[in-house]
Protein backbone atom coordinates (compact mmCIF):
# COMPACT_ATOMS: atom_id res chain seq x y z
CA UNK A 1 -8.46 -9.18 -1.57
CA UNK A 2 -10.58 -8.89 1.51
CA UNK A 3 -9.08 -7.79 4.81
CA UNK A 4 -10.00 -8.94 8.30
CA UNK A 5 -9.11 -8.15 11.91
CA UNK A 6 -9.70 -10.22 15.06
CA UNK A 7 -9.17 -9.39 18.73
CA UNK A 8 -9.57 -11.71 21.70
CA UNK A 9 -8.68 -11.38 25.38
CA UNK A 10 -9.67 -13.18 28.58
CA UNK A 11 -8.92 -10.01 30.57
CA UNK A 12 -8.82 -6.78 28.56
CA UNK A 13 -11.74 -5.37 26.55
CA UNK A 14 -11.01 -3.23 23.53
CA UNK A 15 -12.87 -0.13 22.40
CA UNK A 16 -13.77 -0.87 18.79
CA UNK A 17 -12.75 2.56 17.52
CA UNK A 18 -9.26 2.16 19.02
CA UNK A 19 -8.54 -0.84 16.82
CA UNK A 20 -10.83 -0.44 13.79
CA UNK A 21 -10.90 3.31 13.04
CA UNK A 22 -8.26 5.48 14.72
CA UNK A 23 -4.91 3.96 13.57
CA UNK A 24 -3.46 5.14 10.25
CA UNK A 25 -3.53 1.53 9.02
CA UNK A 26 -6.77 0.50 10.72
CA UNK A 27 -8.91 -1.96 8.76
CA UNK A 28 -11.26 0.90 7.87
CA UNK A 29 -8.35 2.45 5.90
CA UNK A 30 -7.36 -0.80 4.19
CA UNK A 31 -9.97 -0.37 1.48
CA UNK A 32 -7.14 1.10 -0.61
CA UNK A 33 -3.94 1.35 1.50
CA UNK A 34 -1.80 -1.65 2.53
CA UNK A 35 1.16 -2.42 4.79
CA UNK A 36 2.90 -5.80 4.39
CA UNK A 37 6.07 -6.28 6.46
CA UNK A 38 7.76 -9.61 5.83
CA UNK A 39 6.22 -9.86 2.36
CA UNK A 40 7.69 -6.65 0.90
CA UNK A 41 11.29 -5.47 1.48
CA UNK A 42 12.11 -3.60 4.69
CA UNK A 43 11.42 0.09 4.23
CA UNK A 44 9.17 -0.62 1.24
CA UNK A 45 6.27 -2.34 3.02
CA UNK A 46 3.75 -0.08 1.25
CA UNK A 47 5.44 -0.06 -2.20
CA UNK A 48 3.50 -2.60 -4.26
CA UNK A 49 4.49 -1.23 -7.66
CA UNK A 50 8.09 -2.38 -7.33
CA UNK A 51 7.28 -5.91 -6.21
CA UNK A 52 8.31 -8.76 -8.50
CA UNK A 53 5.54 -10.96 -7.04
CA UNK A 54 2.65 -10.61 -9.51
CA UNK A 55 0.24 -12.50 -7.24
CA UNK A 56 1.06 -10.22 -4.31
CA UNK A 57 0.51 -7.14 -6.47
CA UNK A 58 -2.79 -8.44 -7.81
CA UNK A 59 -4.16 -9.29 -4.37
CA UNK A 60 -3.33 -5.90 -2.91
CA UNK A 61 -4.22 -3.68 -5.86
CA UNK A 62 -7.94 -4.36 -5.52
CA UNK A 63 -10.25 -2.01 -3.64
CA UNK A 64 -11.98 -3.60 -0.67
CA UNK A 65 -15.24 -1.71 -1.16
CA UNK A 66 -17.82 -4.48 -1.47
CA UNK A 67 -19.09 -4.74 2.09
CA UNK A 68 -18.30 -4.23 5.75
CA UNK A 69 -19.08 -6.43 8.73
CA UNK A 70 -18.33 -6.41 12.46
CA UNK A 71 -19.18 -9.02 15.09
CA UNK A 72 -18.49 -8.36 18.76
CA UNK A 73 -19.25 -10.45 21.81
CA UNK A 74 -21.48 -9.16 24.60
CA UNK A 75 -23.00 -10.73 27.71
CA UNK A 76 -26.23 -8.74 27.41
CA UNK A 77 -28.37 -11.74 26.43
CA UNK A 78 -27.48 -13.81 29.50
CA UNK A 79 -29.14 -11.17 31.69
CA UNK A 80 -32.44 -11.49 29.84
CA UNK A 81 -32.68 -14.81 27.98
CA UNK A 82 -33.27 -18.03 29.89
CA UNK A 83 -30.66 -20.69 29.18
CA UNK A 84 -28.07 -18.30 27.75
CA UNK A 85 -24.78 -18.02 29.61
CA UNK A 86 -21.57 -16.38 28.49
CA UNK A 87 -20.96 -13.96 25.63
CA UNK A 88 -22.86 -14.04 22.35
CA UNK A 89 -22.08 -12.22 19.09
CA UNK A 90 -23.79 -9.02 18.01
CA UNK A 91 -23.54 -8.30 14.29
CA UNK A 92 -23.42 -5.20 12.09
CA UNK A 93 -23.20 -5.31 8.29
CA UNK A 94 -23.19 -2.54 5.71
CA UNK A 95 -22.51 -1.90 2.03
CA UNK A 96 -21.05 1.53 2.76
CA UNK A 97 -17.28 2.11 2.83
CA UNK A 98 -16.28 1.94 6.52
CA UNK A 99 -14.58 5.32 6.68
CA UNK A 100 -17.79 7.11 5.64
CA UNK A 101 -20.31 4.88 7.44
CA UNK A 102 -21.78 7.08 10.19
CA UNK A 103 -23.48 4.19 11.98
CA UNK A 104 -20.29 2.11 11.99
CA UNK A 105 -18.22 4.97 13.38
CA UNK A 106 -20.75 5.74 16.12
CA UNK A 107 -21.07 2.09 17.09
CA UNK A 108 -17.30 1.69 17.35
CA UNK A 109 -16.89 4.83 19.44
CA UNK A 110 -19.29 3.48 22.06
CA UNK A 111 -18.73 -0.29 22.12
CA UNK A 112 -16.11 -2.40 23.89
CA UNK A 113 -15.63 -6.16 23.73
CA UNK A 114 -13.28 -8.93 24.81
CA UNK A 115 -13.68 -10.53 21.38
CA UNK A 116 -14.43 -8.98 18.00
CA UNK A 117 -14.20 -9.68 14.28
CA UNK A 118 -14.11 -7.04 11.54
CA UNK A 119 -14.07 -7.63 7.78
CA UNK A 120 -13.98 -5.53 4.61
CA UNK A 121 -14.88 -7.36 1.43
CA UNK A 122 -13.59 -7.49 -2.12
CA UNK A 123 -15.99 -9.78 -3.96
CA UNK A 124 -14.63 -12.75 -5.88
CA UNK A 125 -17.73 -12.82 -8.06
CA UNK A 126 -20.84 -13.09 -5.90
CA UNK A 127 -23.32 -10.24 -5.63
CA UNK A 128 -22.59 -7.19 -3.46
CA UNK A 129 -25.26 -7.22 -0.76
CA UNK A 130 -25.28 -7.05 3.02
CA UNK A 131 -26.07 -10.72 3.43
CA UNK A 132 -22.86 -11.63 1.60
CA UNK A 133 -20.68 -9.54 3.90
CA UNK A 134 -18.65 -11.33 6.54
CA UNK A 135 -18.59 -12.35 9.39
CA UNK A 136 -21.09 -15.23 9.47
CA UNK A 137 -22.81 -16.19 12.73
CA UNK A 138 -23.86 -19.70 13.79
CA UNK A 139 -25.18 -19.49 17.34
CA UNK A 140 -22.27 -18.53 19.59
CA UNK A 141 -19.75 -19.14 16.78
CA UNK A 142 -18.48 -16.62 14.21
CA UNK A 143 -16.51 -17.25 11.01
CA UNK A 144 -14.82 -15.08 8.36
CA UNK A 145 -12.50 -15.57 5.38
CA UNK A 146 -9.97 -13.76 3.24
CA UNK A 147 -9.17 -15.37 -0.10
CA UNK A 148 -11.23 -17.53 -2.41
CA UNK A 149 -12.35 -21.10 -2.95
CA UNK A 150 -11.29 -21.60 -6.54
CA UNK A 151 -13.70 -23.27 -8.98
CA UNK A 152 -16.42 -22.74 -6.39
CA UNK A 153 -19.29 -23.10 -8.87
CA UNK A 154 -17.95 -26.54 -9.85
CA UNK A 155 -18.03 -27.89 -6.29
CA UNK A 156 -20.84 -25.87 -4.70
CA UNK A 157 -23.52 -28.54 -5.17
CA UNK A 158 -21.35 -31.31 -3.75
CA UNK A 159 -20.21 -29.05 -0.94
CA UNK A 160 -23.76 -28.44 0.25
CA UNK A 161 -24.34 -32.21 0.34
CA UNK A 162 -21.82 -32.33 3.19
CA UNK A 163 -23.73 -29.82 5.34
CA UNK A 164 -25.97 -30.64 8.24
CA UNK A 165 -29.58 -29.63 7.57
CA UNK A 166 -29.52 -26.61 9.91
CA UNK A 167 -26.14 -25.44 8.62
CA UNK A 168 -27.54 -25.57 5.08
CA UNK A 169 -30.58 -23.52 6.14
CA UNK A 170 -28.34 -20.93 7.80
CA UNK A 171 -26.56 -20.10 4.53
CA UNK A 172 -28.40 -16.92 3.58
CA UNK A 173 -26.09 -15.63 0.85
CA UNK A 174 -24.17 -16.95 -2.15
CA UNK A 175 -20.50 -16.63 -1.17
CA UNK A 176 -17.92 -19.38 -1.10
CA UNK A 177 -16.96 -18.10 2.36
CA UNK A 178 -20.38 -18.64 3.93
CA UNK A 179 -20.44 -22.14 2.49
CA UNK A 180 -17.05 -22.78 4.10
CA UNK A 181 -18.49 -21.52 7.39
CA UNK A 182 -21.40 -23.95 7.14
CA UNK A 183 -19.03 -26.81 6.41
CA UNK A 184 -16.85 -25.87 9.39
CA UNK A 185 -19.87 -25.79 11.71
CA UNK A 186 -21.07 -29.15 10.37
CA UNK A 187 -17.66 -30.62 11.15
CA UNK A 188 -17.37 -28.94 14.55
CA UNK A 189 -20.78 -30.16 15.73
CA UNK A 190 -20.57 -33.57 14.01
CA UNK A 191 -23.64 -32.78 11.89
CA UNK A 192 -25.50 -31.39 14.89
CA UNK A 193 -28.61 -29.22 14.72
CA UNK A 194 -28.69 -25.52 15.58
CA UNK A 195 -28.91 -26.28 19.31
CA UNK A 196 -25.34 -27.57 19.12
CA UNK A 197 -24.19 -24.17 17.85
CA UNK A 198 -24.73 -22.81 21.39
CA UNK A 199 -22.16 -25.19 22.87
CA UNK A 200 -18.48 -24.59 23.46
CA UNK A 201 -16.04 -27.09 21.98
CA UNK A 202 -12.41 -27.80 22.95
CA UNK A 203 -9.83 -25.85 21.01
CA UNK A 204 -8.41 -29.10 19.64
CA UNK A 205 -11.82 -29.89 18.10
CA UNK A 206 -12.07 -26.39 16.59
CA UNK A 207 -8.68 -26.85 14.95
CA UNK A 208 -9.54 -30.35 13.74
CA UNK A 209 -12.82 -29.10 12.24
CA UNK A 210 -11.01 -26.27 10.46
CA UNK A 211 -8.34 -28.62 9.09
CA UNK A 212 -11.01 -31.06 7.93
CA UNK A 213 -12.88 -28.24 6.16
CA UNK A 214 -9.76 -27.29 4.17
CA UNK A 215 -9.16 -30.89 3.15
CA UNK A 216 -12.79 -31.51 2.14
CA UNK A 217 -12.74 -28.46 -0.16
CA UNK A 218 -9.59 -29.68 -1.89
CA UNK A 219 -10.90 -33.24 -2.17
CA UNK A 220 -14.07 -32.00 -3.88
CA UNK A 221 -11.96 -30.01 -6.35
CA UNK A 222 -9.78 -33.04 -7.04
CA UNK A 223 -12.85 -35.18 -7.62
CA UNK A 224 -14.55 -32.71 -9.97
CA UNK A 225 -11.57 -31.17 -11.78
CA UNK A 226 -8.51 -33.34 -11.33
CA UNK A 227 -5.38 -31.60 -12.59
CA UNK A 228 -7.46 -28.67 -13.87
CA UNK A 229 -8.12 -27.45 -10.34
CA UNK A 230 -6.70 -24.07 -9.29
CA UNK A 231 -5.14 -23.24 -5.90
CA UNK A 232 -7.27 -21.86 -3.08
CA UNK A 233 -6.47 -19.07 -0.66
CA UNK A 234 -8.10 -20.03 2.65
CA UNK A 235 -7.32 -17.55 5.40
CA UNK A 236 -10.14 -18.63 7.72
CA UNK A 237 -10.87 -17.46 11.26
CA UNK A 238 -13.41 -18.81 13.74
CA UNK A 239 -14.21 -18.06 17.38
CA UNK A 240 -16.71 -18.88 20.10
CA UNK A 241 -15.91 -15.67 21.98
CA UNK A 242 -13.39 -17.37 24.28
CA UNK A 243 -11.10 -19.27 21.90
CA UNK A 244 -9.95 -18.64 18.34
CA UNK A 245 -8.54 -20.53 15.36
CA UNK A 246 -7.08 -18.86 12.25
CA UNK A 247 -5.46 -20.35 9.15
CA UNK A 248 -3.07 -18.98 6.52
CA UNK A 249 -3.30 -21.47 3.68
CA UNK A 250 -2.74 -21.91 -0.06
CA UNK A 251 -2.47 -25.34 -1.70
CA UNK A 252 0.41 -24.54 -4.02
CA UNK A 253 4.02 -25.69 -3.75
CA UNK A 254 5.61 -22.25 -4.13
CA UNK A 255 2.97 -19.51 -3.92
CA UNK A 256 2.34 -17.73 -0.64
CA UNK A 257 -1.13 -17.43 0.92
CA UNK A 258 -2.55 -13.95 1.51
CA UNK A 259 -0.93 -12.01 4.33
CA UNK A 260 -1.87 -12.80 7.94
CA UNK A 261 -0.16 -11.51 11.09
CA UNK A 262 -0.61 -11.86 14.84
CA UNK A 263 0.46 -9.85 17.87
CA UNK A 264 0.38 -10.19 21.65
CA UNK A 265 1.66 -6.62 22.17
CA UNK A 266 -0.10 -4.32 19.71
CA UNK A 267 -3.28 -4.10 21.78
CA UNK A 268 -1.44 -1.91 24.30
CA UNK A 269 -0.22 0.44 21.56
CA UNK A 270 -3.73 0.63 20.13
CA UNK A 271 -5.53 1.11 23.46
CA UNK A 272 -5.90 4.84 24.05
CA UNK A 273 -5.82 4.34 27.84
CA UNK A 274 -2.11 3.49 27.60
CA UNK A 275 0.91 5.58 26.55
CA UNK A 276 2.22 5.11 23.04
CA UNK A 277 0.74 5.76 19.61
CA UNK A 278 -0.12 3.29 16.84
CA UNK A 279 1.22 5.49 14.06
CA UNK A 280 4.66 6.65 15.21
CA UNK A 281 7.12 6.60 18.09
CA UNK A 282 7.30 10.39 17.76
CA UNK A 283 3.58 10.90 18.32
CA UNK A 284 2.15 11.37 21.80
CA UNK A 285 -1.07 9.87 23.10
CA UNK A 286 -2.50 12.74 25.10
CA UNK A 287 -5.60 10.69 26.02
CA UNK A 288 -3.64 8.15 28.08
CA UNK A 289 -4.91 7.62 31.62
CA UNK A 290 -2.40 4.85 32.44
CA UNK A 291 1.32 5.10 33.03
CA UNK A 292 4.28 3.41 31.34
CA UNK A 293 4.48 0.88 34.16
CA UNK A 294 0.82 -0.14 34.03
CA UNK A 295 0.07 -3.62 32.72
CA UNK A 296 -2.49 -4.42 30.04
CA UNK A 297 -4.38 -7.70 30.14
CA UNK A 298 -3.34 -10.69 28.02
CA UNK A 299 -4.68 -10.33 24.50
CA UNK A 300 -4.16 -11.49 20.92
CA UNK A 301 -4.74 -9.72 17.62
CA UNK A 302 -4.82 -11.60 14.30
CA UNK A 303 -5.08 -9.42 11.21
CA UNK A 304 -4.50 -9.33 7.47
CA UNK A 305 -2.19 -6.36 8.02
CA UNK A 306 -0.42 -4.85 11.05
CA UNK A 307 -2.31 -1.90 12.49
CA UNK A 308 0.63 -0.34 14.37
CA UNK A 309 3.83 1.16 12.97
CA UNK A 310 6.16 -1.08 15.01
CA UNK A 311 6.99 -4.21 12.98
CA UNK A 312 8.49 -5.85 16.06
CA UNK A 313 5.01 -6.14 17.58
CA UNK A 314 3.86 -8.45 14.78
CA UNK A 315 4.57 -11.98 13.56
CA UNK A 316 3.78 -13.26 10.05
CA UNK A 317 1.94 -16.59 10.39
CA UNK A 318 3.74 -19.33 8.50
CA UNK A 319 2.53 -20.69 5.18
CA UNK A 320 -0.10 -23.41 5.61
CA UNK A 321 -0.19 -22.96 9.36
CA UNK A 322 -2.94 -22.37 11.91
CA UNK A 323 -2.74 -20.07 14.92
CA UNK A 324 -4.82 -21.11 17.93
CA UNK A 325 -5.65 -19.02 21.00
CA UNK A 326 -6.94 -20.81 24.11
CA UNK A 327 -9.14 -19.58 26.97
CA UNK A 328 -6.14 -18.18 28.82
CA UNK A 329 -4.89 -16.32 25.76
CA UNK A 330 -2.01 -18.69 24.98
CA UNK A 331 -1.11 -18.67 21.27
CA UNK A 332 0.17 -21.72 19.41
CA UNK A 333 1.16 -21.99 15.74
CA UNK A 334 0.71 -25.42 14.14
CA UNK A 335 1.19 -26.83 10.65
CA UNK A 336 -2.01 -27.79 8.89
CA UNK A 337 -2.12 -31.42 7.82
CA UNK A 338 -3.08 -32.39 4.26
CA UNK A 339 -1.94 -34.56 1.38
CA UNK A 340 0.30 -32.42 -0.83
CA UNK A 341 -1.04 -34.37 -3.81
CA UNK A 342 -4.01 -32.01 -3.42
CA UNK A 343 -1.81 -29.04 -4.34
CA UNK A 344 -2.81 -27.23 -7.52
CA UNK A 345 -0.50 -25.81 -10.17
CA UNK A 346 -2.16 -22.94 -12.01
CA UNK A 347 -3.45 -19.84 -10.17
CA UNK A 348 -6.76 -18.19 -11.00
CA UNK A 349 -7.13 -15.54 -8.29
CA UNK A 350 -6.86 -15.14 -4.56
């Protein structure tokens, strides 16, 4: 399965290399190595071979080597472009594995941001090319996905009929995930044109648009396939640079969605300015310029896997729940609302 990482803070910027490259379980290392507290037994969080959960083993045995993408928010454009205010996303995509991508490593070592997305891809069938790598940008909004829309080819045509014209034109690749992003933006803007992508929307509307997107996908599958439909894994995340919505979702009565965790503490452990080390309590951060008593700004990390050794810093998001983060950095977990008659029975993948 894919892996993604998101950071957002109203106060504290993060150096990209601190969170994406340096930790032993940074997303750049998750191409082949995985750490799943809460889903694997304590003390065996990296031992997939002994798991009795075949779906969990399948998801995490794949290599995430099919594309890399990073989006980070910067205020550079507002200093130069008339009519632009607030942060806007910059985007980098590559087909190279992240650990050996020189440009990615150099960019991360010299870039900080209050909001960033990172994604490594394991294709569910579409072509491996830069344009199919996540994240996907619509104006000031960014979207990414871990999982798969099952039976996507069966509903793709009907799905595009739901898009606004500009959202349809902004789909440059062939992935199910980018189509989900276009549907989310259509819902968020109420079929608005690309000018509406530059607006901020209340967090409640972002959550409602995300929930509606999930339901529409399942309704299309029900219409086209009936009881032959397979369950989806829809770990979506969207941000406007100031607020964030993430979902951990699978429409099946007993199967778990892919892993998704959040933390309000790990950013301090990851930030090299502060004491502590992401890999071990026994390791010393000799680069620290702050003391034990110094405060770090409010922040939230949402990630497919924890990126620090300390399990107590992380919370597993509940099945079929959304995590929202408001402008002040306040996190709220909410159940997603859907008709359980849309649940599927037989897994395909994801």
